[in-house]
Amino acid sequence: MHRPAEQLTGLKLDGGWTVGDLIPRLPGHSGGNFSTSYFVSGADKTNAFLKAMDYQDALNSPDPARTSLINT
């Protein structure tokens, strides 16, 4: 099942931005554990990138640092 942040291609955003292609995560890349990146284009043809976050995944993820402190 795809996360909501992975289903934004083609979405028209406020301010005239359109979500383009998803930027794939390549093996060996770090970061982005709770986010998905996209290319976006503005109404004026400006190109940029968008980072979409699934807060539910982040907030429900185990916290290794907190767990290690509690168990010591």
C-alpha atoms as a PDB file:
ATOM      1  CA  MET A   1       0.000   0.000   0.000  1.00  0.00           C
ATOM      2  CA  HIS A   2       1.287   3.460  -0.865  1.00  0.00           C
ATOM      3  CA  ARG A   3       1.558   6.160   1.760  1.00  0.00           C
ATOM      4  CA  PRO A   4      -0.483   9.356   1.155  1.00  0.00           C
ATOM      5  CA  ALA A   5       2.704  11.358   0.507  1.00  0.00           C
ATOM      6  CA  GLU A   6       3.507   8.969  -2.361  1.00  0.00           C
ATOM      7  CA  GLN A   7       0.281   9.776  -4.220  1.00  0.00           C
ATOM      8  CA  LEU A   8       0.637  13.479  -5.038  1.00  0.00           C
ATOM      9  CA  THR A   9       1.734  13.404  -8.699  1.00  0.00           C
ATOM     10  CA  GLY A  10      -0.549  15.644 -10.770  1.00  0.00           C
ATOM     11  CA  LEU A  11      -2.006  17.467  -7.765  1.00  0.00           C
ATOM     12  CA  LYS A  12      -2.582  21.225  -8.222  1.00  0.00           C
ATOM     13  CA  LEU A  13      -1.481  23.148  -5.121  1.00  0.00           C
ATOM     14  CA  ASP A  14      -2.400  26.604  -3.866  1.00  0.00           C
ATOM     15  CA  GLY A  15      -0.272  29.302  -5.434  1.00  0.00           C
ATOM     16  CA  GLY A  16      -0.274  27.709  -8.884  1.00  0.00           C
ATOM     17  CA  TRP A  17       2.148  24.843  -8.212  1.00  0.00           C
ATOM     18  CA  THR A  18       1.665  21.456  -9.870  1.00  0.00           C
ATOM     19  CA  VAL A  19       3.236  18.338  -8.405  1.00  0.00           C
ATOM     20  CA  GLY A  20       5.266  16.475 -11.005  1.00  0.00           C
ATOM     21  CA  ASP A  21       7.208  13.248 -10.886  1.00  0.00           C
ATOM     22  CA  LEU A  22       8.245  11.569  -7.671  1.00  0.00           C
ATOM     23  CA  ILE A  23      12.005  11.720  -7.064  1.00  0.00           C
ATOM     24  CA  PRO A  24      13.024   8.109  -6.398  1.00  0.00           C
ATOM     25  CA  ARG A  25      15.085   7.117  -3.399  1.00  0.00           C
ATOM     26  CA  LEU A  26      18.240   5.475  -4.600  1.00  0.00           C
ATOM     27  CA  PRO A  27      20.201   2.854  -2.651  1.00  0.00           C
ATOM     28  CA  GLY A  28      22.766   4.495  -0.417  1.00  0.00           C
ATOM     29  CA  HIS A  29      20.943   7.818  -0.114  1.00  0.00           C
ATOM     30  CA  SER A  30      20.462   8.988   3.441  1.00  0.00           C
ATOM     31  CA  GLY A  31      17.619  10.894   5.027  1.00  0.00           C
ATOM     32  CA  GLY A  32      14.021  11.107   3.946  1.00  0.00           C
ATOM     33  CA  ASN A  33      12.816   8.331   6.218  1.00  0.00           C
ATOM     34  CA  PHE A  34       9.434   9.994   6.665  1.00  0.00           C
ATOM     35  CA  SER A  35       9.288  12.117   3.539  1.00  0.00           C
ATOM     36  CA  THR A  36       8.821  11.833  -0.179  1.00  0.00           C
ATOM     37  CA  SER A  37      10.312  14.264  -2.695  1.00  0.00           C
ATOM     38  CA  TYR A  38       8.785  15.542  -5.939  1.00  0.00           C
ATOM     39  CA  PHE A  39       9.609  17.853  -8.775  1.00  0.00           C
ATOM     40  CA  VAL A  40       7.089  20.716  -8.929  1.00  0.00           C
ATOM     41  CA  SER A  41       6.444  23.470 -11.421  1.00  0.00           C
ATOM     42  CA  GLY A  42       4.918  26.880 -10.869  1.00  0.00           C
ATOM     43  CA  ALA A  43       2.382  28.662 -13.037  1.00  0.00           C
ATOM     44  CA  ASP A  44       5.262  30.857 -14.267  1.00  0.00           C
ATOM     45  CA  LYS A  45       7.216  27.714 -15.323  1.00  0.00           C
ATOM     46  CA  THR A  46       9.521  27.930 -12.283  1.00  0.00           C
ATOM     47  CA  ASN A  47      10.885  24.502 -11.370  1.00  0.00           C
ATOM     48  CA  ALA A  48      11.441  23.481  -7.771  1.00  0.00           C
ATOM     49  CA  PHE A  49      11.188  20.509  -5.471  1.00  0.00           C
ATOM     50  CA  LEU A  50       8.667  19.580  -2.807  1.00  0.00           C
ATOM     51  CA  LYS A  51       9.170  17.451   0.275  1.00  0.00           C
ATOM     52  CA  ALA A  52       5.966  15.815   1.512  1.00  0.00           C
ATOM     53  CA  MET A  53       5.858  14.276   4.980  1.00  0.00           C
ATOM     54  CA  ASP A  54       3.667  11.560   6.411  1.00  0.00           C
ATOM     55  CA  TYR A  55       3.457  12.719  10.015  1.00  0.00           C
ATOM     56  CA  GLN A  56       1.562   9.610  11.063  1.00  0.00           C
ATOM     57  CA  ASP A  57       4.560   7.425  10.166  1.00  0.00           C
ATOM     58  CA  ALA A  58       6.973   9.745  11.957  1.00  0.00           C
ATOM     59  CA  LEU A  59       4.870  10.100  15.100  1.00  0.00           C
ATOM     60  CA  ASN A  60       4.192   6.369  15.374  1.00  0.00           C
ATOM     61  CA  SER A  61       7.769   5.286  14.754  1.00  0.00           C
ATOM     62  CA  PRO A  62       9.804   3.867  17.645  1.00  0.00           C
ATOM     63  CA  ASP A  63      12.206   6.364  19.196  1.00  0.00           C
ATOM     64  CA  PRO A  64      15.502   4.464  19.679  1.00  0.00           C
ATOM     65  CA  ALA A  65      17.094   7.265  21.710  1.00  0.00           C
ATOM     66  CA  ARG A  66      14.181   7.466  24.143  1.00  0.00           C
ATOM     67  CA  THR A  67      13.948   3.675  24.398  1.00  0.00           C
ATOM     68  CA  SER A  68      17.643   3.384  25.260  1.00  0.00           C
ATOM     69  CA  LEU A  69      17.325   6.068  27.959  1.00  0.00           C
ATOM     70  CA  ILE A  70      14.320   4.393  29.546  1.00  0.00           C
ATOM     71  CA  ASN A  71      16.001   0.987  29.578  1.00  0.00           C
ATOM     72  CA  THR A  72      19.220   2.166  31.269  1.00  0.00           C
END
